Amino acid sequence: MNPMIQNQLPKKGAKVVVAMSGGVDSSVAAGWLSKNGYNVIGISLQLHDMAEKIDNEFGTCCSLSDLNDARRVAEVLDIPFYVNNMETAFNEAVIDDFVQEYLNGRTPNPCVRCNEKVKFKKLMDWALDLGADFLATGHYATIQWNANLNRHELHKGGDNGKDQSYFLFTMKEAELARTLFPVGSFEKPIVRALAEEYGLRVANKPDSQEICFVQGKSYKDFIEEKVPAEILRPGNFVNAEGKVLGQHAGLHQYTVGQRKGIQLNSLEPLYVLALNAKNNEVIVGPESSIFRKSAIVKNISWVNEMDLSSSLKALAKIRYRSKESPVEIIPMDDSSIEVRFEIPQRAITPGQAMVFYDGTRTLGGGWIESLSVH
């Protein structure tokens, strides 16, 4: 564990609603709070029904089997437990957005959308309705109190390999003041050991590796089930100069940086450089052309208030598993910025979240709109 990571936690006795997904992290979050003198209530969200579609007891997320796991954990911990059905809101805010983004030639990040539009918003409302002081989740992130600036800040978790601050960049300081991440400073083996200590059957449950609502199928198949076939039109593969090289089977099958599925005769491997939804074109070229140094990012959300009257130096991640890289952030208007990288980045992808850091502190982020000409 990083010794510099400090996780802000309230005095014992506080009433805390814990968002329980049925996984080991949120289960231990509830268990740790309960064992350490907090008044805990468990809540799960039923977002969709995957139990009848997938024969997979473990490794899912937010399915009915996961809700059953969460309920059993609550029974072992002897805490109240409630389930709220959020299927309609989840479909509208997350699944519909996911499908539409692919149809628009963009690659979405539904986990950020779910946290922003469904989980934190609704759970915080319910926590307050239940008279709770705080909402807790099992995220690997930490909340630190900056006494010098008199504010709560969002920081990385103690396990570098599991840090989830990337998915939380839309949180605001006011939300941080009412939120707890009990396992945020722990490393994963410690969390699993605590689950064993608490007698929780999810101690060895695998982490979810896929987008929850696409479990057991490809993105292509999922989208094709959701929209009429006539919308998924074939189009042209073109090179950077606009020359037609062949035909693709549908824009939804491709994302920037992809090589698989480009069945064209070429002396060198071809990769997806960009998607042109207006012309239904997949632009392809050599791998060297995937690397870019700048992008336009929109719908910016800062955790704490930021002064962007001039440019700002920071570190940025262009996707969850990418490494942070030094950037200059240049303001354009109230909701848009240009981001210039010191080191060219591979496959900067419209639709993905770009998140900014200052050391361990999460500054905020936004959604990659396009690649700039810089």
Protein backbone atom coordinates (compact mmCIF):
# COMPACT_ATOMS: atom_id res chain seq x y z
CA MET A 1 0.00 0.00 0.00
CA ASN A 2 1.20 3.48 -0.80
CA PRO A 3 1.97 5.04 2.61
CA MET A 4 1.09 8.50 1.28
CA ILE A 5 -2.53 7.52 0.60
CA GLN A 6 -4.79 8.75 3.38
CA ASN A 7 -8.50 7.99 3.25
CA GLN A 8 -10.92 10.40 4.89
CA LEU A 9 -13.32 8.51 7.20
CA PRO A 10 -15.86 9.91 9.69
CA LYS A 11 -16.19 9.29 13.41
CA LYS A 12 -17.57 5.95 14.45
CA GLY A 13 -21.31 5.77 14.88
CA ALA A 14 -22.12 7.59 11.63
CA LYS A 15 -25.02 6.18 9.61
CA VAL A 16 -23.74 4.92 6.25
CA VAL A 17 -25.57 3.52 3.24
CA VAL A 18 -23.29 1.12 1.35
CA ALA A 19 -23.82 0.44 -2.35
CA MET A 20 -23.49 -3.36 -2.54
CA SER A 21 -22.92 -4.89 -5.99
CA GLY A 22 -22.36 -8.44 -4.77
CA GLY A 23 -18.63 -8.26 -5.44
CA VAL A 24 -15.87 -8.65 -2.89
CA ASP A 25 -14.93 -4.95 -2.77
CA SER A 26 -18.34 -3.53 -1.84
CA SER A 27 -19.00 -6.48 0.45
CA VAL A 28 -15.81 -5.78 2.40
CA ALA A 29 -16.62 -2.06 2.42
CA ALA A 30 -19.89 -2.92 4.19
CA GLY A 31 -18.16 -5.43 6.44
CA TRP A 32 -15.32 -3.12 7.43
CA LEU A 33 -17.71 -0.29 8.32
CA SER A 34 -19.96 -2.65 10.28
CA LYS A 35 -17.04 -4.19 12.19
CA ASN A 36 -15.58 -0.76 12.97
CA GLY A 37 -18.55 0.78 14.69
CA TYR A 38 -20.60 2.37 11.92
CA ASN A 39 -24.37 2.08 11.49
CA VAL A 40 -24.59 0.36 8.09
CA ILE A 41 -27.45 -0.11 5.62
CA GLY A 42 -26.90 -2.05 2.39
CA ILE A 43 -28.53 -1.07 -0.90
CA SER A 44 -28.25 -2.75 -4.30
CA LEU A 45 -29.46 -1.52 -7.66
CA GLN A 46 -31.13 -3.94 -10.04
CA LEU A 47 -29.95 -2.53 -13.35
CA HIS A 48 -30.76 -5.41 -15.70
CA ASP A 49 -31.65 -9.09 -15.64
CA MET A 50 -28.67 -11.15 -16.79
CA ALA A 51 -29.26 -14.16 -14.56
CA GLU A 52 -31.35 -16.07 -17.10
CA LYS A 53 -29.04 -15.23 -20.01
CA ILE A 54 -25.66 -16.26 -18.63
CA ASP A 55 -24.66 -19.49 -16.93
CA ASN A 56 -21.95 -17.84 -14.87
CA GLU A 57 -22.31 -17.64 -11.11
CA PHE A 58 -19.20 -15.49 -10.64
CA GLY A 59 -17.50 -12.85 -12.70
CA THR A 60 -20.55 -10.80 -13.58
CA CYS A 61 -21.60 -7.36 -12.37
CA CYS A 62 -25.03 -6.11 -11.30
CA SER A 63 -26.88 -9.28 -12.36
CA LEU A 64 -29.59 -10.95 -10.31
CA SER A 65 -27.09 -13.53 -9.05
CA ASP A 66 -24.93 -10.64 -7.84
CA LEU A 67 -27.90 -9.19 -5.99
CA ASN A 68 -28.36 -12.55 -4.29
CA ASP A 69 -24.69 -12.50 -3.27
CA ALA A 70 -25.14 -9.01 -1.83
CA ARG A 71 -28.22 -10.12 0.10
CA ARG A 72 -26.34 -13.08 1.61
CA VAL A 73 -23.46 -10.81 2.60
CA ALA A 74 -25.91 -8.48 4.36
CA GLU A 75 -27.38 -11.46 6.21
CA VAL A 76 -23.92 -12.57 7.40
CA LEU A 77 -23.13 -9.02 8.52
CA ASP A 78 -26.60 -8.66 10.07
CA ILE A 79 -27.31 -5.31 8.42
CA PRO A 80 -30.54 -4.06 6.77
CA PHE A 81 -30.59 -4.60 3.00
CA TYR A 82 -32.75 -3.11 0.22
CA VAL A 83 -32.93 -3.49 -3.56
CA ASN A 84 -34.05 -0.71 -5.88
CA ASN A 85 -35.04 -1.43 -9.47
CA MET A 86 -33.27 0.99 -11.81
CA GLU A 87 -33.60 -0.93 -15.09
CA THR A 88 -35.43 1.87 -16.91
CA ALA A 89 -33.00 4.59 -15.89
CA PHE A 90 -30.03 2.32 -16.68
CA ASN A 91 -31.40 1.51 -20.13
CA GLU A 92 -31.96 5.16 -20.97
CA ALA A 93 -28.77 6.67 -19.50
CA VAL A 94 -26.27 3.90 -20.18
CA ILE A 95 -27.36 1.23 -22.68
CA ASP A 96 -29.07 3.59 -25.15
CA ASP A 97 -26.08 5.93 -24.94
CA PHE A 98 -23.70 3.00 -25.54
CA VAL A 99 -25.52 1.92 -28.70
CA GLN A 100 -25.92 5.45 -30.06
CA GLU A 101 -22.25 6.27 -29.51
CA TYR A 102 -21.18 3.26 -31.56
CA LEU A 103 -23.62 4.22 -34.32
CA ASN A 104 -22.08 7.72 -34.29
CA GLY A 105 -18.60 6.29 -34.84
CA ARG A 106 -17.48 6.79 -31.24
CA THR A 107 -16.28 4.34 -28.59
CA PRO A 108 -18.21 4.87 -25.33
CA ASN A 109 -17.27 4.26 -21.71
CA PRO A 110 -20.50 3.04 -20.06
CA CYS A 111 -18.96 2.54 -16.60
CA VAL A 112 -18.30 6.27 -16.21
CA ARG A 113 -21.81 7.03 -17.48
CA CYS A 114 -23.31 4.57 -15.01
CA ASN A 115 -21.47 6.11 -12.06
CA GLU A 116 -22.42 9.61 -13.15
CA LYS A 117 -26.01 9.18 -14.32
CA VAL A 118 -27.34 6.25 -12.29
CA LYS A 119 -25.36 4.89 -9.34
CA PHE A 120 -24.05 7.90 -7.43
CA LYS A 121 -26.94 10.20 -8.26
CA LYS A 122 -29.70 7.80 -7.21
CA LEU A 123 -27.86 6.17 -4.34
CA MET A 124 -26.97 9.49 -2.77
CA ASP A 125 -30.63 10.55 -2.97
CA TRP A 126 -31.74 7.33 -1.27
CA ALA A 127 -29.01 7.56 1.35
CA LEU A 128 -30.22 11.03 2.32
CA ASP A 129 -33.84 9.84 2.30
CA LEU A 130 -32.87 7.13 4.78
CA GLY A 131 -31.33 9.71 7.05
CA ALA A 132 -27.79 8.53 6.39
CA ASP A 133 -24.76 10.73 6.91
CA PHE A 134 -22.73 9.13 4.13
CA LEU A 135 -22.84 6.94 1.02
CA ALA A 136 -20.06 4.32 0.73
CA THR A 137 -18.91 2.22 -2.23
CA GLY A 138 -16.19 -0.36 -2.84
CA HIS A 139 -14.21 1.77 -5.28
CA TYR A 140 -10.41 1.79 -5.15
CA ALA A 141 -10.03 5.53 -4.68
CA THR A 142 -9.53 7.81 -1.68
CA ILE A 143 -10.99 11.05 -0.42
CA GLN A 144 -8.54 13.36 1.31
CA TRP A 145 -9.14 16.54 3.27
CA ASN A 146 -6.86 19.40 2.20
CA ALA A 147 -6.67 21.58 5.31
CA ASN A 148 -4.67 24.29 3.53
CA LEU A 149 -7.35 24.79 0.91
CA ASN A 150 -10.28 23.77 3.13
CA ARG A 151 -11.69 21.21 0.69
CA HIS A 152 -12.23 17.52 -0.03
CA GLU A 153 -10.16 16.07 -2.86
CA LEU A 154 -10.43 12.86 -4.91
CA HIS A 155 -7.19 10.87 -4.98
CA LYS A 156 -6.03 7.54 -6.34
CA GLY A 157 -6.46 4.33 -4.41
CA GLY A 158 -3.72 2.57 -2.49
CA ASP A 159 -3.48 -0.31 -4.99
CA ASN A 160 -1.99 1.10 -8.18
CA GLY A 161 -3.16 -1.88 -10.21
CA LYS A 162 -6.77 -1.50 -9.06
CA ASP A 163 -7.12 2.29 -8.83
CA GLN A 164 -10.58 3.37 -10.08
CA SER A 165 -10.34 7.14 -9.76
CA TYR A 166 -10.56 7.30 -13.58
CA PHE A 167 -14.21 6.23 -13.41
CA LEU A 168 -15.07 8.86 -10.79
CA PHE A 169 -13.89 12.07 -12.45
CA THR A 170 -17.44 13.45 -12.73
CA MET A 171 -17.81 13.61 -8.92
CA LYS A 172 -18.00 17.06 -7.36
CA GLU A 173 -16.50 18.25 -4.11
CA ALA A 174 -19.93 18.48 -2.47
CA GLU A 175 -20.49 14.77 -3.26
CA LEU A 176 -17.07 13.82 -1.90
CA ALA A 177 -18.01 15.38 1.44
CA ARG A 178 -20.84 12.80 1.75
CA THR A 179 -19.03 9.80 0.20
CA LEU A 180 -16.75 7.12 1.68
CA PHE A 181 -14.42 4.62 -0.01
CA PRO A 182 -13.65 2.26 2.92
CA VAL A 183 -11.37 -0.10 0.95
CA GLY A 184 -9.83 2.65 -1.15
CA SER A 185 -6.46 2.63 0.60
CA PHE A 186 -6.21 -1.19 0.71
CA GLU A 187 -4.48 -3.53 -1.70
CA LYS A 188 -6.63 -6.25 -3.24
CA PRO A 189 -5.11 -9.18 -1.28
CA ILE A 190 -5.99 -7.37 1.95
CA VAL A 191 -9.59 -6.98 0.80
CA ARG A 192 -9.88 -10.68 0.02
CA ALA A 193 -8.30 -11.57 3.37
CA LEU A 194 -10.84 -9.38 5.18
CA ALA A 195 -13.67 -11.08 3.28
CA GLU A 196 -12.39 -14.43 4.57
CA GLU A 197 -12.11 -13.02 8.09
CA TYR A 198 -15.70 -11.75 7.95
CA GLY A 199 -16.97 -15.13 6.65
CA LEU A 200 -18.17 -13.81 3.30
CA ARG A 201 -18.62 -16.35 0.50
CA VAL A 202 -17.55 -13.77 -2.09
CA ALA A 203 -13.97 -13.74 -0.78
CA ASN A 204 -12.65 -15.48 -3.91
CA LYS A 205 -15.20 -14.13 -6.37
CA PRO A 206 -13.44 -13.01 -9.58
CA ASP A 207 -13.47 -9.37 -10.57
CA SER A 208 -15.82 -8.47 -13.41
CA GLN A 209 -13.82 -8.19 -16.61
CA GLU A 210 -16.51 -7.15 -19.08
CA ILE A 211 -19.14 -4.47 -19.46
CA CYS A 212 -21.98 -5.87 -17.37
CA PHE A 213 -24.78 -5.71 -19.94
CA VAL A 214 -22.66 -7.21 -22.76
CA GLN A 215 -21.67 -10.31 -20.78
CA GLY A 216 -21.25 -13.39 -22.96
CA LYS A 217 -21.36 -11.71 -26.37
CA SER A 218 -19.45 -9.29 -28.57
CA TYR A 219 -20.21 -5.58 -28.76
CA LYS A 220 -21.09 -6.14 -32.42
CA ASP A 221 -23.70 -8.80 -31.60
CA PHE A 222 -25.13 -6.72 -28.75
CA ILE A 223 -25.63 -3.66 -30.95
CA GLU A 224 -27.09 -5.72 -33.79
CA GLU A 225 -29.69 -7.08 -31.37
CA LYS A 226 -30.66 -3.56 -30.32
CA VAL A 227 -31.14 -1.72 -33.63
CA PRO A 228 -32.89 -2.44 -36.95
CA ALA A 229 -30.66 -4.11 -39.55
CA GLU A 230 -31.20 -1.29 -42.07
CA ILE A 231 -29.42 1.16 -39.76
CA LEU A 232 -26.24 -0.93 -39.76
CA ARG A 233 -25.28 -0.10 -43.33
CA PRO A 234 -22.08 -1.24 -45.04
CA GLY A 235 -19.72 1.49 -46.19
CA ASN A 236 -16.25 2.13 -47.53
CA PHE A 237 -12.78 1.64 -46.18
CA VAL A 238 -10.76 4.68 -47.28
CA ASN A 239 -7.19 5.82 -46.77
CA ALA A 240 -6.21 9.19 -45.31
CA GLU A 241 -6.44 10.77 -48.77
CA GLY A 242 -10.00 9.51 -49.25
CA LYS A 243 -9.22 6.75 -51.75
CA VAL A 244 -11.69 3.86 -51.53
CA LEU A 245 -9.90 0.63 -50.61
CA GLY A 246 -12.83 -1.73 -50.09
CA GLN A 247 -16.06 -2.15 -48.18
CA HIS A 248 -16.76 -2.62 -44.47
CA ALA A 249 -19.79 -4.38 -42.98
CA GLY A 250 -20.87 -1.65 -40.56
CA LEU A 251 -19.32 1.26 -38.65
CA HIS A 252 -20.27 -0.28 -35.29
CA GLN A 253 -17.72 -3.06 -35.77
CA TYR A 254 -14.70 -0.77 -35.56
CA THR A 255 -12.86 1.50 -33.15
CA VAL A 256 -9.72 3.62 -33.45
CA GLY A 257 -6.53 1.55 -33.28
CA GLN A 258 -8.22 -1.69 -34.34
CA ARG A 259 -6.49 -4.05 -36.76
CA LYS A 260 -8.71 -7.12 -36.64
CA GLY A 261 -11.48 -7.24 -39.24
CA ILE A 262 -9.78 -5.07 -41.87
CA GLN A 263 -9.68 -7.58 -44.73
CA LEU A 264 -7.91 -5.54 -47.38
CA ASN A 265 -4.99 -6.33 -49.64
CA SER A 266 -2.08 -4.26 -48.42
CA LEU A 267 1.70 -4.52 -48.31
CA GLU A 268 1.65 -3.43 -44.64
CA PRO A 269 -0.82 -4.01 -41.81
CA LEU A 270 -3.68 -1.49 -41.74
CA TYR A 271 -5.29 -0.02 -38.62
CA VAL A 272 -8.39 2.07 -38.02
CA LEU A 273 -7.30 5.72 -37.87
CA ALA A 274 -10.74 7.32 -37.58
CA LEU A 275 -14.45 6.77 -38.17
CA ASN A 276 -16.50 9.15 -40.30
CA ALA A 277 -20.13 8.58 -39.32
CA LYS A 278 -21.43 11.26 -41.71
CA ASN A 279 -20.02 9.43 -44.74
CA ASN A 280 -20.14 5.95 -43.14
CA GLU A 281 -16.41 5.54 -43.75
CA VAL A 282 -13.69 3.69 -41.87
CA ILE A 283 -10.40 5.50 -42.42
CA VAL A 284 -7.41 3.15 -42.32
CA GLY A 285 -3.64 3.50 -42.52
CA PRO A 286 -0.31 2.29 -41.11
CA GLU A 287 0.21 1.91 -37.37
CA SER A 288 2.50 4.96 -37.28
CA SER A 289 -0.50 7.14 -38.19
CA ILE A 290 -2.40 6.08 -35.05
CA PHE A 291 -0.10 8.12 -32.81
CA ARG A 292 -1.33 11.67 -32.20
CA LYS A 293 -0.31 14.54 -29.92
CA SER A 294 -3.51 16.50 -29.35
CA ALA A 295 -7.27 16.23 -29.00
CA ILE A 296 -10.37 18.31 -28.35
CA VAL A 297 -12.11 17.32 -25.10
CA LYS A 298 -15.66 18.47 -24.29
CA ASN A 299 -18.14 18.40 -21.42
CA ILE A 300 -15.38 19.05 -18.92
CA SER A 301 -16.06 18.25 -15.27
CA TRP A 302 -13.68 19.37 -12.50
CA VAL A 303 -13.82 17.76 -9.05
CA ASN A 304 -12.76 21.03 -7.41
CA GLU A 305 -13.14 24.45 -8.97
CA MET A 306 -10.38 25.18 -11.47
CA ASP A 307 -9.00 28.47 -12.81
CA LEU A 308 -8.58 27.95 -16.54
CA SER A 309 -8.01 31.56 -17.50
CA SER A 310 -4.71 30.31 -18.94
CA SER A 311 -3.19 26.96 -19.89
CA LEU A 312 -2.55 24.29 -17.27
CA LYS A 313 0.06 21.53 -16.97
CA ALA A 314 -1.16 18.12 -15.80
CA LEU A 315 -1.00 14.38 -16.41
CA ALA A 316 -3.67 12.70 -18.52
CA LYS A 317 -5.02 9.21 -19.18
CA ILE A 318 -6.83 8.60 -22.49
CA ARG A 319 -8.37 5.32 -21.28
CA TYR A 320 -8.57 3.38 -18.04
CA ARG A 321 -5.60 1.09 -18.62
CA SER A 322 -3.36 3.65 -20.32
CA LYS A 323 -0.39 5.26 -18.58
CA GLU A 324 -0.58 8.87 -17.54
CA SER A 325 1.30 11.27 -19.78
CA PRO A 326 2.28 14.96 -19.39
CA VAL A 327 -0.08 17.39 -21.15
CA GLU A 328 -0.84 21.05 -21.56
CA ILE A 329 -4.53 21.89 -21.17
CA ILE A 330 -5.58 24.90 -23.25
CA PRO A 331 -9.03 26.43 -22.59
CA MET A 332 -11.33 26.94 -25.58
CA ASP A 333 -14.70 27.79 -24.00
CA ASP A 334 -16.67 26.95 -20.85
CA SER A 335 -17.02 23.26 -21.72
CA SER A 336 -14.19 22.51 -24.18
CA ILE A 337 -10.42 22.31 -24.01
CA GLU A 338 -7.56 21.34 -26.29
CA VAL A 339 -5.14 18.84 -24.77
CA ARG A 340 -1.58 18.69 -26.11
CA PHE A 341 0.60 15.72 -25.18
CA GLU A 342 4.36 15.89 -24.79
CA ILE A 343 4.56 12.30 -26.03
CA PRO A 344 2.40 11.07 -28.96
CA GLN A 345 -0.40 8.78 -27.77
CA ARG A 346 -1.58 5.62 -29.50
CA ALA A 347 -5.21 5.56 -30.61
CA ILE A 348 -6.75 8.61 -28.95
CA THR A 349 -10.38 7.60 -29.33
CA PRO A 350 -13.44 9.88 -29.62
CA GLY A 351 -16.09 8.88 -27.08
CA GLN A 352 -13.63 7.77 -24.43
CA ALA A 353 -13.02 9.69 -21.20
CA MET A 354 -9.79 11.63 -20.75
CA VAL A 355 -8.97 12.13 -17.07
CA PHE A 356 -6.45 14.58 -15.59
CA TYR A 357 -4.21 14.20 -12.54
CA ASP A 358 -1.83 16.19 -10.39
CA GLY A 359 0.18 13.48 -8.68
CA THR A 360 -2.36 11.25 -6.93
CA ARG A 361 -5.08 13.91 -7.07
CA THR A 362 -7.82 13.54 -9.67
CA LEU A 363 -8.47 16.97 -11.18
CA GLY A 364 -11.38 15.97 -13.40
CA GLY A 365 -11.85 15.08 -17.03
CA GLY A 366 -14.07 15.12 -20.06
CA TRP A 367 -15.03 13.26 -23.22
CA ILE A 368 -12.73 13.06 -26.22
CA GLU A 369 -14.58 14.79 -29.06
CA SER A 370 -12.08 14.76 -31.90
CA LEU A 371 -8.41 14.88 -32.77
CA SER A 372 -7.11 18.41 -33.26
CA VAL A 373 -4.80 19.49 -36.07
CA HIS A 374 -1.98 20.64 -33.74
